[in-house]
């Protein structure tokens, strides 16, 4: 299933990704640091959502309390909850 998450407190505005049986694919960030976010998207392709959450949750960007990777972890956690329903 395809999910879109509106980010909060980051340069990127939204994250779109597919989640099927807990596996992440087709990740794209709208806005933000294009090269870095393309790298994150590629590194997450085909990985378990839970593993990604464990790796990137809590990462901060400068003085901000969150980051694009942290927002992605939040998006994945919400999507996993939705998948359980």
C-alpha atoms as a PDB file:
ATOM      1  CA  UNK A   1       0.000   0.000   0.000  1.00  0.00           C
ATOM      2  CA  UNK A   2       1.194   3.535  -0.753  1.00  0.00           C
ATOM      3  CA  UNK A   3       1.442   6.035   2.099  1.00  0.00           C
ATOM      4  CA  UNK A   4       2.064   9.771   2.146  1.00  0.00           C
ATOM      5  CA  UNK A   5       3.168  11.432   5.360  1.00  0.00           C
ATOM      6  CA  UNK A   6       3.218  15.212   5.819  1.00  0.00           C
ATOM      7  CA  UNK A   7       6.403  16.015   7.718  1.00  0.00           C
ATOM      8  CA  UNK A   8       6.610  18.411  10.644  1.00  0.00           C
ATOM      9  CA  UNK A   9       9.622  20.579  11.516  1.00  0.00           C
ATOM     10  CA  UNK A  10      11.810  19.674   8.522  1.00  0.00           C
ATOM     11  CA  UNK A  11      12.753  21.121   5.149  1.00  0.00           C
ATOM     12  CA  UNK A  12      11.027  18.258   3.355  1.00  0.00           C
ATOM     13  CA  UNK A  13       7.267  18.669   3.105  1.00  0.00           C
ATOM     14  CA  UNK A  14       6.143  15.070   2.664  1.00  0.00           C
ATOM     15  CA  UNK A  15       7.348  11.489   2.310  1.00  0.00           C
ATOM     16  CA  UNK A  16       5.709   8.951   0.016  1.00  0.00           C
ATOM     17  CA  UNK A  17       6.506   5.247   0.192  1.00  0.00           C
ATOM     18  CA  UNK A  18       5.074   1.781  -0.316  1.00  0.00           C
ATOM     19  CA  UNK A  19       4.781  -0.682   2.547  1.00  0.00           C
ATOM     20  CA  UNK A  20       3.927  -4.304   1.817  1.00  0.00           C
ATOM     21  CA  UNK A  21       4.168  -6.932   4.557  1.00  0.00           C
ATOM     22  CA  UNK A  22       6.492  -4.634   6.506  1.00  0.00           C
ATOM     23  CA  UNK A  23       8.911  -4.112   3.587  1.00  0.00           C
ATOM     24  CA  UNK A  24       9.599  -0.568   2.336  1.00  0.00           C
ATOM     25  CA  UNK A  25       9.912   0.435  -1.323  1.00  0.00           C
ATOM     26  CA  UNK A  26       9.513   3.429  -3.655  1.00  0.00           C
ATOM     27  CA  UNK A  27      10.547   6.032  -1.065  1.00  0.00           C
ATOM     28  CA  UNK A  28      10.516   9.665  -2.168  1.00  0.00           C
ATOM     29  CA  UNK A  29      10.811  12.908  -0.234  1.00  0.00           C
ATOM     30  CA  UNK A  30       9.246  16.147  -1.440  1.00  0.00           C
ATOM     31  CA  UNK A  31      11.509  19.108  -0.722  1.00  0.00           C
ATOM     32  CA  UNK A  32      14.523  18.988   1.564  1.00  0.00           C
ATOM     33  CA  UNK A  33      18.160  18.228   0.749  1.00  0.00           C
ATOM     34  CA  UNK A  34      17.727  16.357  -2.511  1.00  0.00           C
ATOM     35  CA  UNK A  35      20.984  14.390  -2.612  1.00  0.00           C
ATOM     36  CA  UNK A  36      20.842  13.283   1.020  1.00  0.00           C
ATOM     37  CA  UNK A  37      17.211  12.282   0.788  1.00  0.00           C
ATOM     38  CA  UNK A  38      17.783  10.321  -2.421  1.00  0.00           C
ATOM     39  CA  UNK A  39      20.517   8.461  -0.541  1.00  0.00           C
ATOM     40  CA  UNK A  40      18.216   7.678   2.372  1.00  0.00           C
ATOM     41  CA  UNK A  41      15.539   6.479  -0.039  1.00  0.00           C
ATOM     42  CA  UNK A  42      17.971   4.128  -1.835  1.00  0.00           C
ATOM     43  CA  UNK A  43      19.402   2.760   1.413  1.00  0.00           C
ATOM     44  CA  UNK A  44      15.906   1.946   2.692  1.00  0.00           C
ATOM     45  CA  UNK A  45      14.696   0.194  -0.457  1.00  0.00           C
ATOM     46  CA  UNK A  46      13.677  -3.406   0.288  1.00  0.00           C
ATOM     47  CA  UNK A  47      14.389  -3.132   4.027  1.00  0.00           C
ATOM     48  CA  UNK A  48      12.076  -3.996   6.915  1.00  0.00           C
ATOM     49  CA  UNK A  49      10.269  -0.942   8.243  1.00  0.00           C
ATOM     50  CA  UNK A  50      11.094  -1.926  11.837  1.00  0.00           C
ATOM     51  CA  UNK A  51      14.830  -2.027  11.034  1.00  0.00           C
ATOM     52  CA  UNK A  52      14.670   1.428   9.443  1.00  0.00           C
ATOM     53  CA  UNK A  53      12.764   2.817  12.443  1.00  0.00           C
ATOM     54  CA  UNK A  54      15.383   1.415  14.815  1.00  0.00           C
ATOM     55  CA  UNK A  55      18.187   2.949  12.731  1.00  0.00           C
ATOM     56  CA  UNK A  56      16.910   6.487  12.160  1.00  0.00           C
ATOM     57  CA  UNK A  57      14.446   7.276  14.951  1.00  0.00           C
ATOM     58  CA  UNK A  58      15.581  10.191  17.095  1.00  0.00           C
ATOM     59  CA  UNK A  59      18.089  11.669  14.631  1.00  0.00           C
ATOM     60  CA  UNK A  60      18.146  15.444  14.913  1.00  0.00           C
ATOM     61  CA  UNK A  61      19.016  18.063  12.301  1.00  0.00           C
ATOM     62  CA  UNK A  62      21.104  20.833  13.812  1.00  0.00           C
ATOM     63  CA  UNK A  63      19.160  22.480  16.630  1.00  0.00           C
ATOM     64  CA  UNK A  64      15.835  21.010  15.485  1.00  0.00           C
ATOM     65  CA  UNK A  65      14.205  18.302  17.591  1.00  0.00           C
ATOM     66  CA  UNK A  66      13.643  16.150  14.501  1.00  0.00           C
ATOM     67  CA  UNK A  67      15.068  15.469  11.029  1.00  0.00           C
ATOM     68  CA  UNK A  68      13.947  14.008   7.725  1.00  0.00           C
ATOM     69  CA  UNK A  69      15.124  10.504   8.761  1.00  0.00           C
ATOM     70  CA  UNK A  70      13.331  10.870  12.123  1.00  0.00           C
ATOM     71  CA  UNK A  71      10.163  11.971  10.319  1.00  0.00           C
ATOM     72  CA  UNK A  72      10.503   8.930   8.057  1.00  0.00           C
ATOM     73  CA  UNK A  73      10.666   6.722  11.165  1.00  0.00           C
ATOM     74  CA  UNK A  74       7.445   8.333  12.426  1.00  0.00           C
ATOM     75  CA  UNK A  75       5.803   7.815   9.040  1.00  0.00           C
ATOM     76  CA  UNK A  76       6.800   4.155   8.988  1.00  0.00           C
ATOM     77  CA  UNK A  77       5.526   3.600  12.531  1.00  0.00           C
ATOM     78  CA  UNK A  78       2.140   5.062  11.571  1.00  0.00           C
ATOM     79  CA  UNK A  79       2.012   2.953   8.407  1.00  0.00           C
ATOM     80  CA  UNK A  80       2.831  -0.221  10.348  1.00  0.00           C
ATOM     81  CA  UNK A  81      -0.023   0.534  12.749  1.00  0.00           C
ATOM     82  CA  UNK A  82      -2.327   1.090   9.780  1.00  0.00           C
ATOM     83  CA  UNK A  83      -1.214  -2.209   8.223  1.00  0.00           C
ATOM     84  CA  UNK A  84      -2.253  -4.054  11.399  1.00  0.00           C
ATOM     85  CA  UNK A  85      -5.873  -2.867  11.075  1.00  0.00           C
END
